[in-house]
């Protein structure tokens, strides 16, 4: 899931393996968006349902038909961010699903540091602000297994 605001403050989170659903959307971008925001997205049914249940103003787009509504609402920032990520990650010749969250976090950090006046200071702040970094690292394997279990049960 990719979300960003008009000031280009992105969040990118690995939601799940398989079809996206309302629960995955809530876990990945639920804290990033509140009722004061306007959500612009593709017209996926689960996103529509999630936005409705969250009480969001929601504008949907079908990329092949239209790109902008009311000369204001669009998804170009998200599409651009997604495209930049895809080009960036290609240099690694494939990323294990297990480590996808870390690559997404790395990419977001790089994007944020591009507009930083003192990038070294901001990197140190980011590292120190995450008190449970070691715990997150240790849980990579178990989190990956949790993502796979629903998929493995379907086959």
N, C-alpha and C. Protein backbone atom coordinates (compact mmCIF):
# COMPACT_ATOMS: atom_id res chain seq x y z
N UNK A 1 0.85 -1.17 0.00
CA UNK A 1 0.00 0.00 0.00
C UNK A 1 0.90 1.23 0.00
N UNK A 2 0.54 2.18 -0.81
CA UNK A 2 1.29 3.42 -0.93
C UNK A 2 0.33 4.58 -0.66
N UNK A 3 0.75 5.48 0.19
CA UNK A 3 -0.03 6.69 0.45
C UNK A 3 0.93 7.85 0.59
N UNK A 4 0.49 9.01 0.17
CA UNK A 4 1.29 10.22 0.34
C UNK A 4 0.35 11.41 0.40
N UNK A 5 0.84 12.49 0.96
CA UNK A 5 0.04 13.71 1.01
C UNK A 5 0.58 14.70 -0.01
N UNK A 6 -0.01 15.86 -0.05
CA UNK A 6 0.41 16.86 -1.05
C UNK A 6 1.79 17.45 -0.75
N UNK A 7 2.29 17.25 0.46
CA UNK A 7 3.63 17.70 0.81
C UNK A 7 4.66 16.60 0.56
N UNK A 8 4.25 15.52 -0.09
CA UNK A 8 5.12 14.39 -0.43
C UNK A 8 5.71 13.72 0.81
N UNK A 9 4.86 13.43 1.78
CA UNK A 9 5.25 12.65 2.96
C UNK A 9 4.67 11.25 2.77
N UNK A 10 5.48 10.35 2.24
CA UNK A 10 4.93 9.03 1.86
C UNK A 10 4.94 8.02 2.99
N UNK A 11 4.10 7.02 2.82
CA UNK A 11 4.18 5.79 3.60
C UNK A 11 4.00 4.66 2.60
N UNK A 12 4.79 3.63 2.75
CA UNK A 12 4.71 2.45 1.90
C UNK A 12 4.81 1.24 2.82
N UNK A 13 3.78 0.41 2.79
CA UNK A 13 3.75 -0.75 3.67
C UNK A 13 3.33 -1.98 2.90
N UNK A 14 3.97 -3.08 3.23
CA UNK A 14 3.62 -4.37 2.65
C UNK A 14 2.37 -4.86 3.35
N UNK A 15 1.29 -5.04 2.61
CA UNK A 15 -0.01 -5.35 3.21
C UNK A 15 -0.20 -6.85 3.41
N UNK A 16 -0.08 -7.61 2.37
CA UNK A 16 -0.31 -9.05 2.46
C UNK A 16 0.03 -9.72 1.14
N UNK A 17 0.10 -11.03 1.17
CA UNK A 17 0.26 -11.80 -0.05
C UNK A 17 -1.16 -12.15 -0.50
N UNK A 18 -1.46 -11.92 -1.75
CA UNK A 18 -2.79 -12.20 -2.27
C UNK A 18 -3.61 -10.94 -2.41
N UNK A 19 -4.91 -11.13 -2.58
CA UNK A 19 -5.81 -9.98 -2.79
C UNK A 19 -5.88 -9.10 -1.56
N UNK A 20 -5.86 -7.82 -1.79
CA UNK A 20 -5.94 -6.84 -0.71
C UNK A 20 -7.36 -6.86 -0.14
N UNK A 21 -7.48 -6.59 1.14
CA UNK A 21 -8.79 -6.55 1.78
C UNK A 21 -8.84 -5.38 2.75
N UNK A 22 -10.03 -5.14 3.29
CA UNK A 22 -10.25 -4.00 4.18
C UNK A 22 -9.34 -4.04 5.41
N UNK A 23 -9.15 -5.21 5.99
CA UNK A 23 -8.30 -5.34 7.18
C UNK A 23 -6.86 -4.96 6.87
N UNK A 24 -6.35 -5.39 5.72
CA UNK A 24 -4.97 -5.07 5.31
C UNK A 24 -4.81 -3.57 5.10
N UNK A 25 -5.80 -2.95 4.52
CA UNK A 25 -5.74 -1.51 4.30
C UNK A 25 -5.69 -0.77 5.62
N UNK A 26 -6.50 -1.21 6.56
CA UNK A 26 -6.51 -0.57 7.87
C UNK A 26 -5.15 -0.71 8.55
N UNK A 27 -4.56 -1.91 8.50
CA UNK A 27 -3.27 -2.15 9.16
C UNK A 27 -2.14 -1.37 8.50
N UNK A 28 -2.21 -1.16 7.20
CA UNK A 28 -1.09 -0.52 6.51
C UNK A 28 -1.17 1.00 6.46
N UNK A 29 -2.33 1.55 6.12
CA UNK A 29 -2.43 3.01 5.99
C UNK A 29 -3.48 3.62 6.90
N UNK A 30 -4.10 2.82 7.75
CA UNK A 30 -5.16 3.31 8.63
C UNK A 30 -4.74 4.44 9.55
N UNK A 31 -3.52 4.38 10.06
CA UNK A 31 -3.05 5.44 10.96
C UNK A 31 -2.57 6.68 10.19
N UNK A 32 -2.37 6.53 8.91
CA UNK A 32 -1.86 7.60 8.08
C UNK A 32 -2.98 8.53 7.61
N UNK A 33 -4.21 8.00 7.55
CA UNK A 33 -5.35 8.73 6.99
C UNK A 33 -6.45 8.84 8.04
N UNK A 34 -6.99 10.05 8.20
CA UNK A 34 -8.13 10.21 9.11
C UNK A 34 -9.26 10.96 8.40
N UNK A 35 -10.32 11.24 9.10
CA UNK A 35 -11.51 11.81 8.49
C UNK A 35 -11.30 13.22 7.93
N UNK A 36 -10.21 13.87 8.30
CA UNK A 36 -9.93 15.20 7.76
C UNK A 36 -9.29 15.12 6.37
N UNK A 37 -8.82 13.93 5.99
CA UNK A 37 -8.17 13.74 4.70
C UNK A 37 -9.19 13.38 3.63
N UNK A 38 -8.78 13.60 2.39
CA UNK A 38 -9.54 13.16 1.23
C UNK A 38 -8.75 12.03 0.61
N UNK A 39 -9.38 10.89 0.43
CA UNK A 39 -8.71 9.73 -0.14
C UNK A 39 -8.96 9.67 -1.63
N UNK A 40 -7.89 9.53 -2.39
CA UNK A 40 -7.98 9.34 -3.83
C UNK A 40 -7.31 8.00 -4.12
N UNK A 41 -8.02 7.11 -4.82
CA UNK A 41 -7.46 5.78 -5.06
C UNK A 41 -8.05 5.18 -6.33
N UNK A 42 -7.56 3.99 -6.66
CA UNK A 42 -8.21 3.26 -7.74
C UNK A 42 -9.56 2.79 -7.22
N UNK A 43 -10.31 2.12 -8.04
CA UNK A 43 -11.69 1.79 -7.65
C UNK A 43 -11.81 0.36 -7.12
N UNK A 44 -10.79 -0.13 -6.46
CA UNK A 44 -10.84 -1.48 -5.88
C UNK A 44 -11.96 -1.54 -4.84
N UNK A 45 -12.80 -2.57 -4.88
CA UNK A 45 -13.95 -2.65 -3.96
C UNK A 45 -13.58 -2.60 -2.48
N UNK A 46 -12.47 -3.23 -2.10
CA UNK A 46 -12.11 -3.22 -0.68
C UNK A 46 -11.68 -1.83 -0.21
N UNK A 47 -11.07 -1.06 -1.09
CA UNK A 47 -10.68 0.31 -0.72
C UNK A 47 -11.93 1.16 -0.57
N UNK A 48 -12.89 0.99 -1.47
CA UNK A 48 -14.15 1.72 -1.37
C UNK A 48 -14.85 1.42 -0.04
N UNK A 49 -14.91 0.14 0.32
CA UNK A 49 -15.56 -0.28 1.56
C UNK A 49 -14.83 0.28 2.77
N UNK A 50 -13.50 0.20 2.77
CA UNK A 50 -12.70 0.71 3.88
C UNK A 50 -12.92 2.21 4.05
N UNK A 51 -12.91 2.95 2.94
CA UNK A 51 -13.11 4.41 3.00
C UNK A 51 -14.50 4.75 3.53
N UNK A 52 -15.49 4.00 3.08
CA UNK A 52 -16.87 4.23 3.54
C UNK A 52 -16.97 3.97 5.05
N UNK A 53 -16.41 2.85 5.51
CA UNK A 53 -16.47 2.51 6.93
C UNK A 53 -15.68 3.48 7.80
N UNK A 54 -14.67 4.08 7.23
CA UNK A 54 -13.85 5.04 7.97
C UNK A 54 -14.43 6.46 7.89
N UNK A 55 -15.45 6.64 7.05
CA UNK A 55 -16.09 7.94 6.91
C UNK A 55 -15.26 8.95 6.14
N UNK A 56 -14.54 8.49 5.14
CA UNK A 56 -13.65 9.36 4.37
C UNK A 56 -14.34 9.89 3.11
N UNK A 57 -14.00 11.11 2.75
CA UNK A 57 -14.35 11.58 1.41
C UNK A 57 -13.43 10.81 0.47
N UNK A 58 -14.01 10.15 -0.53
CA UNK A 58 -13.22 9.24 -1.36
C UNK A 58 -13.52 9.48 -2.83
N UNK A 59 -12.47 9.70 -3.60
CA UNK A 59 -12.58 9.87 -5.05
C UNK A 59 -11.83 8.72 -5.71
N UNK A 60 -12.52 8.01 -6.60
CA UNK A 60 -11.89 6.86 -7.26
C UNK A 60 -11.54 7.19 -8.70
N UNK A 61 -10.55 6.47 -9.20
CA UNK A 61 -10.06 6.69 -10.55
C UNK A 61 -9.85 5.36 -11.26
N UNK A 62 -10.17 5.35 -12.51
CA UNK A 62 -9.82 4.23 -13.38
C UNK A 62 -8.77 4.81 -14.32
N UNK A 63 -7.54 4.36 -14.15
CA UNK A 63 -6.40 4.98 -14.83
C UNK A 63 -6.58 5.09 -16.34
N UNK A 64 -7.22 4.10 -16.95
CA UNK A 64 -7.36 4.13 -18.41
C UNK A 64 -8.41 5.15 -18.87
N UNK A 65 -9.25 5.63 -17.95
CA UNK A 65 -10.34 6.53 -18.35
C UNK A 65 -10.11 7.99 -17.97
N UNK A 66 -9.64 8.24 -16.74
CA UNK A 66 -9.44 9.63 -16.33
C UNK A 66 -8.36 9.70 -15.25
N UNK A 67 -7.72 10.86 -15.18
CA UNK A 67 -6.60 11.02 -14.26
C UNK A 67 -6.84 12.09 -13.20
N UNK A 68 -7.74 13.02 -13.47
CA UNK A 68 -7.97 14.14 -12.56
C UNK A 68 -9.47 14.38 -12.44
N UNK A 69 -9.94 14.68 -11.21
CA UNK A 69 -11.33 15.05 -10.98
C UNK A 69 -11.37 16.46 -10.42
N UNK A 70 -12.26 17.26 -10.93
CA UNK A 70 -12.48 18.63 -10.45
C UNK A 70 -11.19 19.47 -10.44
N UNK A 71 -10.29 19.16 -11.32
CA UNK A 71 -9.00 19.87 -11.44
C UNK A 71 -8.22 19.87 -10.13
N UNK A 72 -8.50 18.92 -9.25
CA UNK A 72 -7.88 18.94 -7.92
C UNK A 72 -7.49 17.54 -7.46
N UNK A 73 -8.38 16.58 -7.62
CA UNK A 73 -8.16 15.24 -7.07
C UNK A 73 -7.51 14.33 -8.11
N UNK A 74 -6.44 13.66 -7.68
CA UNK A 74 -5.73 12.77 -8.61
C UNK A 74 -4.91 11.77 -7.80
N UNK A 75 -4.33 10.81 -8.50
CA UNK A 75 -3.47 9.82 -7.86
C UNK A 75 -2.05 9.85 -8.46
N UNK A 76 -1.69 10.94 -9.11
CA UNK A 76 -0.39 11.01 -9.76
C UNK A 76 0.79 10.94 -8.78
N UNK A 77 0.65 11.52 -7.58
CA UNK A 77 1.75 11.45 -6.61
C UNK A 77 2.03 10.00 -6.23
N UNK A 78 0.98 9.25 -5.98
CA UNK A 78 1.13 7.84 -5.59
C UNK A 78 1.67 7.03 -6.75
N UNK A 79 1.13 7.25 -7.95
CA UNK A 79 1.62 6.52 -9.12
C UNK A 79 3.09 6.82 -9.39
N UNK A 80 3.47 8.07 -9.22
CA UNK A 80 4.87 8.46 -9.41
C UNK A 80 5.77 7.79 -8.38
N UNK A 81 5.34 7.80 -7.13
CA UNK A 81 6.12 7.17 -6.06
C UNK A 81 6.28 5.68 -6.32
N UNK A 82 5.20 5.04 -6.73
CA UNK A 82 5.23 3.62 -7.05
C UNK A 82 6.21 3.33 -8.19
N UNK A 83 6.18 4.17 -9.21
CA UNK A 83 7.07 4.02 -10.35
C UNK A 83 8.54 4.21 -9.94
N UNK A 84 8.80 5.23 -9.12
CA UNK A 84 10.17 5.47 -8.62
C UNK A 84 10.66 4.28 -7.81
N UNK A 85 9.80 3.71 -6.98
CA UNK A 85 10.18 2.54 -6.19
C UNK A 85 10.52 1.35 -7.09
N UNK A 86 9.68 1.10 -8.08
CA UNK A 86 9.92 -0.03 -8.98
C UNK A 86 11.26 0.10 -9.69
N UNK A 87 11.57 1.32 -10.15
CA UNK A 87 12.86 1.52 -10.82
C UNK A 87 14.02 1.39 -9.84
N UNK A 88 13.84 1.87 -8.62
CA UNK A 88 14.89 1.80 -7.60
C UNK A 88 15.19 0.35 -7.20
N UNK A 89 14.14 -0.44 -6.99
CA UNK A 89 14.32 -1.80 -6.47
C UNK A 89 14.85 -2.76 -7.54
N UNK A 90 14.74 -2.42 -8.82
CA UNK A 90 15.23 -3.30 -9.89
C UNK A 90 16.73 -3.58 -9.76
N UNK A 91 17.48 -2.64 -9.24
CA UNK A 91 18.93 -2.81 -9.12
C UNK A 91 19.31 -3.97 -8.20
N UNK A 92 18.37 -4.43 -7.39
CA UNK A 92 18.66 -5.52 -6.46
C UNK A 92 18.35 -6.90 -7.05
N UNK A 93 17.88 -6.92 -8.28
CA UNK A 93 17.61 -8.19 -8.99
C UNK A 93 16.71 -9.12 -8.20
N UNK A 94 15.64 -8.60 -7.71
CA UNK A 94 14.67 -9.41 -6.98
C UNK A 94 14.81 -9.23 -5.49
N UNK A 95 13.71 -9.02 -4.84
CA UNK A 95 13.69 -8.83 -3.40
C UNK A 95 12.85 -9.95 -2.81
N UNK A 96 13.38 -10.59 -1.80
CA UNK A 96 12.62 -11.62 -1.10
C UNK A 96 11.41 -10.97 -0.43
N UNK A 97 10.27 -11.61 -0.53
CA UNK A 97 9.06 -11.12 0.12
C UNK A 97 9.32 -10.91 1.61
N UNK A 98 10.15 -11.77 2.15
CA UNK A 98 10.47 -11.71 3.58
C UNK A 98 11.05 -10.36 3.98
N UNK A 99 11.81 -9.74 3.08
CA UNK A 99 12.47 -8.47 3.40
C UNK A 99 11.84 -7.25 2.71
N UNK A 100 10.70 -7.45 2.08
CA UNK A 100 10.08 -6.36 1.33
C UNK A 100 9.79 -5.14 2.20
N UNK A 101 9.33 -5.35 3.42
CA UNK A 101 9.04 -4.21 4.31
C UNK A 101 10.28 -3.37 4.56
N UNK A 102 11.43 -4.03 4.74
CA UNK A 102 12.67 -3.29 4.98
C UNK A 102 13.09 -2.49 3.74
N UNK A 103 12.91 -3.06 2.55
CA UNK A 103 13.22 -2.31 1.33
C UNK A 103 12.29 -1.11 1.18
N UNK A 104 11.02 -1.28 1.49
CA UNK A 104 10.08 -0.17 1.42
C UNK A 104 10.47 0.94 2.40
N UNK A 105 10.83 0.55 3.62
CA UNK A 105 11.26 1.54 4.62
C UNK A 105 12.53 2.26 4.17
N UNK A 106 13.47 1.53 3.60
CA UNK A 106 14.71 2.11 3.11
C UNK A 106 14.41 3.14 2.02
N UNK A 107 13.54 2.76 1.07
CA UNK A 107 13.19 3.66 -0.02
C UNK A 107 12.53 4.94 0.51
N UNK A 108 11.59 4.79 1.44
CA UNK A 108 10.90 5.96 2.01
C UNK A 108 11.91 6.86 2.73
N UNK A 109 12.84 6.27 3.47
CA UNK A 109 13.86 7.05 4.15
C UNK A 109 14.70 7.83 3.15
N UNK A 110 15.11 7.20 2.07
CA UNK A 110 15.89 7.88 1.04
C UNK A 110 15.11 9.05 0.46
N UNK A 111 13.82 8.85 0.19
CA UNK A 111 12.99 9.92 -0.36
C UNK A 111 12.90 11.10 0.61
N UNK A 112 12.74 10.79 1.90
CA UNK A 112 12.63 11.85 2.90
C UNK A 112 13.95 12.60 3.04
N UNK A 113 15.06 11.88 2.94
CA UNK A 113 16.37 12.51 3.10
C UNK A 113 16.74 13.40 1.93
N UNK A 114 16.14 13.18 0.77
CA UNK A 114 16.44 14.00 -0.41
C UNK A 114 16.11 15.47 -0.17
N UNK A 115 15.08 15.73 0.65
CA UNK A 115 14.72 17.13 0.90
C UNK A 115 15.27 17.64 2.23
N UNK A 116 16.13 16.85 2.85
CA UNK A 116 16.70 17.22 4.15
C UNK A 116 17.88 18.18 4.00
N UNK A 117 17.95 19.11 4.92
CA UNK A 117 19.08 20.05 4.96
C UNK A 117 20.28 19.38 5.62
N UNK A 118 20.05 18.54 6.61
CA UNK A 118 21.13 17.82 7.29
C UNK A 118 20.79 16.32 7.35
N UNK A 119 21.07 15.60 6.26
CA UNK A 119 20.66 14.20 6.16
C UNK A 119 21.27 13.28 7.23
N UNK A 120 22.52 13.49 7.59
CA UNK A 120 23.16 12.63 8.61
C UNK A 120 22.43 12.78 9.94
N UNK A 121 22.14 14.00 10.31
CA UNK A 121 21.42 14.26 11.56
C UNK A 121 20.03 13.61 11.52
N UNK A 122 19.36 13.70 10.37
CA UNK A 122 18.02 13.12 10.24
C UNK A 122 18.05 11.59 10.26
N UNK A 123 19.09 10.98 9.70
CA UNK A 123 19.23 9.51 9.77
C UNK A 123 19.40 9.08 11.22
N UNK A 124 20.26 9.77 11.94
CA UNK A 124 20.49 9.43 13.35
C UNK A 124 19.19 9.59 14.14
N UNK A 125 18.45 10.67 13.87
CA UNK A 125 17.16 10.88 14.56
C UNK A 125 16.19 9.73 14.26
N UNK A 126 16.14 9.33 13.00
CA UNK A 126 15.22 8.25 12.60
C UNK A 126 15.59 6.95 13.28
N UNK A 127 16.87 6.66 13.35
CA UNK A 127 17.34 5.42 13.99
C UNK A 127 17.04 5.45 15.48
N UNK A 128 17.35 6.56 16.13
CA UNK A 128 17.14 6.66 17.57
C UNK A 128 15.67 6.75 17.96
N UNK A 129 14.84 7.24 17.05
CA UNK A 129 13.42 7.37 17.39
C UNK A 129 12.68 6.04 17.39
N UNK A 130 13.25 5.03 16.76
CA UNK A 130 12.62 3.71 16.71
C UNK A 130 13.20 2.85 17.82
N UNK A 131 12.54 2.85 18.96
CA UNK A 131 13.05 2.13 20.13
C UNK A 131 13.09 0.62 19.96
N UNK A 132 12.24 0.09 19.13
CA UNK A 132 12.16 -1.36 19.02
C UNK A 132 12.74 -1.89 17.71
N UNK A 133 13.77 -1.26 17.18
CA UNK A 133 14.37 -1.68 15.92
C UNK A 133 14.85 -3.12 15.98
N UNK A 134 15.54 -3.49 17.04
CA UNK A 134 16.05 -4.87 17.17
C UNK A 134 14.89 -5.85 17.21
N UNK A 135 13.84 -5.50 17.94
CA UNK A 135 12.65 -6.37 18.03
C UNK A 135 12.01 -6.55 16.66
N UNK A 136 11.90 -5.47 15.91
CA UNK A 136 11.33 -5.54 14.55
C UNK A 136 12.18 -6.47 13.69
N UNK A 137 13.49 -6.32 13.78
CA UNK A 137 14.40 -7.17 13.00
C UNK A 137 14.23 -8.63 13.38
N UNK A 138 14.12 -8.92 14.65
CA UNK A 138 13.98 -10.30 15.11
C UNK A 138 12.66 -10.93 14.69
N UNK A 139 11.64 -10.10 14.44
CA UNK A 139 10.32 -10.62 14.08
C UNK A 139 10.13 -10.78 12.57
N UNK A 140 11.14 -10.49 11.77
CA UNK A 140 11.00 -10.58 10.32
C UNK A 140 10.48 -11.96 9.91
N UNK A 141 11.12 -12.99 10.41
CA UNK A 141 10.76 -14.36 10.04
C UNK A 141 9.31 -14.68 10.43
N UNK A 142 8.93 -14.40 11.67
CA UNK A 142 7.58 -14.74 12.12
C UNK A 142 6.52 -13.90 11.39
N UNK A 143 6.82 -12.63 11.11
CA UNK A 143 5.87 -11.80 10.36
C UNK A 143 5.69 -12.32 8.94
N UNK A 144 6.78 -12.79 8.35
CA UNK A 144 6.72 -13.36 7.01
C UNK A 144 5.86 -14.62 7.01
N UNK A 145 6.03 -15.46 8.01
CA UNK A 145 5.23 -16.68 8.09
C UNK A 145 3.75 -16.36 8.26
N UNK A 146 3.43 -15.32 9.03
CA UNK A 146 2.04 -14.91 9.20
C UNK A 146 1.42 -14.47 7.88
N UNK A 147 2.23 -13.81 7.04
CA UNK A 147 1.74 -13.39 5.73
C UNK A 147 1.46 -14.59 4.84
N UNK A 148 2.28 -15.60 4.95
CA UNK A 148 2.17 -16.77 4.07
C UNK A 148 1.11 -17.76 4.50
N UNK A 149 0.84 -17.89 5.77
CA UNK A 149 -0.07 -18.92 6.26
C UNK A 149 -1.44 -18.87 5.58
N UNK A 150 -2.11 -17.71 5.46
CA UNK A 150 -3.41 -17.72 4.77
C UNK A 150 -3.30 -18.19 3.32
N UNK A 151 -2.23 -17.82 2.63
CA UNK A 151 -2.04 -18.24 1.26
C UNK A 151 -1.82 -19.74 1.17
N UNK A 152 -1.01 -20.29 2.06
CA UNK A 152 -0.70 -21.71 2.02
C UNK A 152 -1.94 -22.55 2.31
N UNK A 153 -2.83 -22.05 3.12
CA UNK A 153 -4.05 -22.79 3.45
C UNK A 153 -5.03 -22.84 2.29
N UNK A 154 -4.93 -21.89 1.36
CA UNK A 154 -5.85 -21.84 0.23
C UNK A 154 -5.47 -22.82 -0.87
N UNK A 155 -4.22 -23.25 -0.88
CA UNK A 155 -3.78 -24.12 -1.98
C UNK A 155 -4.04 -25.57 -1.69
